[in-house]
Amino acid sequence: MIPEKQDKSFNEFYKAARFNKILDPKTTLMIHLATAMSVGCYP
């Protein structure tokens, strides 16, 4: 577990990256999956 302050910061960053207004939701999700898989964090 990470400290609460770090967890909050990470969640804010993740939400900003995941729910952006630049790319459509499907493209954003595919980028997230590809990025996770490229570093070995398989869904």
C-alpha atoms as a PDB file:
ATOM      1  CA  MET A   1       0.000   0.000   0.000  1.00  0.00           C
ATOM      2  CA  ILE A   2       1.154   3.503  -0.712  1.00  0.00           C
ATOM      3  CA  PRO A   3       0.622   6.460   1.588  1.00  0.00           C
ATOM      4  CA  GLU A   4      -2.748   8.196   1.291  1.00  0.00           C
ATOM      5  CA  LYS A   5      -1.255  11.424  -0.100  1.00  0.00           C
ATOM      6  CA  GLN A   6       0.594   9.543  -2.853  1.00  0.00           C
ATOM      7  CA  ASP A   7      -2.483   7.474  -3.639  1.00  0.00           C
ATOM      8  CA  LYS A   8      -4.599  10.606  -4.023  1.00  0.00           C
ATOM      9  CA  SER A   9      -2.008  12.247  -6.279  1.00  0.00           C
ATOM     10  CA  PHE A  10      -1.732   9.152  -8.466  1.00  0.00           C
ATOM     11  CA  ASN A  11      -5.510   8.843  -8.778  1.00  0.00           C
ATOM     12  CA  GLU A  12      -5.815  12.492  -9.817  1.00  0.00           C
ATOM     13  CA  PHE A  13      -3.077  12.021 -12.424  1.00  0.00           C
ATOM     14  CA  TYR A  14      -4.655   8.803 -13.705  1.00  0.00           C
ATOM     15  CA  LYS A  15      -8.087  10.386 -14.050  1.00  0.00           C
ATOM     16  CA  ALA A  16      -6.607  13.359 -15.932  1.00  0.00           C
ATOM     17  CA  ALA A  17      -4.846  11.023 -18.354  1.00  0.00           C
ATOM     18  CA  ARG A  18      -7.718   8.552 -18.706  1.00  0.00           C
ATOM     19  CA  PHE A  19     -10.590  11.001 -19.059  1.00  0.00           C
ATOM     20  CA  ASN A  20      -9.080  13.620 -21.363  1.00  0.00           C
ATOM     21  CA  LYS A  21     -10.828  15.745 -23.959  1.00  0.00           C
ATOM     22  CA  ILE A  22      -8.216  15.261 -26.682  1.00  0.00           C
ATOM     23  CA  LEU A  23      -8.607  11.624 -27.708  1.00  0.00           C
ATOM     24  CA  ASP A  24     -11.815   9.669 -27.973  1.00  0.00           C
ATOM     25  CA  PRO A  25     -12.429   7.240 -25.068  1.00  0.00           C
ATOM     26  CA  LYS A  26     -11.744   4.087 -27.118  1.00  0.00           C
ATOM     27  CA  THR A  27      -8.348   5.358 -28.304  1.00  0.00           C
ATOM     28  CA  THR A  28      -7.401   6.436 -24.790  1.00  0.00           C
ATOM     29  CA  LEU A  29      -8.308   3.002 -23.401  1.00  0.00           C
ATOM     30  CA  MET A  30      -6.289   1.223 -26.101  1.00  0.00           C
ATOM     31  CA  ILE A  31      -3.246   3.385 -25.303  1.00  0.00           C
ATOM     32  CA  HIS A  32      -3.617   2.563 -21.591  1.00  0.00           C
ATOM     33  CA  LEU A  33      -3.806  -1.169 -22.319  1.00  0.00           C
ATOM     34  CA  ALA A  34      -0.842  -1.097 -24.704  1.00  0.00           C
ATOM     35  CA  THR A  35       1.238   0.883 -22.229  1.00  0.00           C
ATOM     36  CA  ALA A  36       0.436  -1.498 -19.373  1.00  0.00           C
ATOM     37  CA  MET A  37       1.235  -4.532 -21.483  1.00  0.00           C
ATOM     38  CA  SER A  38       4.517  -3.054 -22.728  1.00  0.00           C
ATOM     39  CA  VAL A  39       5.844  -2.844 -19.171  1.00  0.00           C
ATOM     40  CA  GLY A  40       4.509  -6.257 -18.165  1.00  0.00           C
ATOM     41  CA  CYS A  41       1.352  -5.268 -16.267  1.00  0.00           C
ATOM     42  CA  TYR A  42      -1.076  -7.526 -18.064  1.00  0.00           C
ATOM     43  CA  PRO A  43      -4.758  -6.749 -17.473  1.00  0.00           C
END
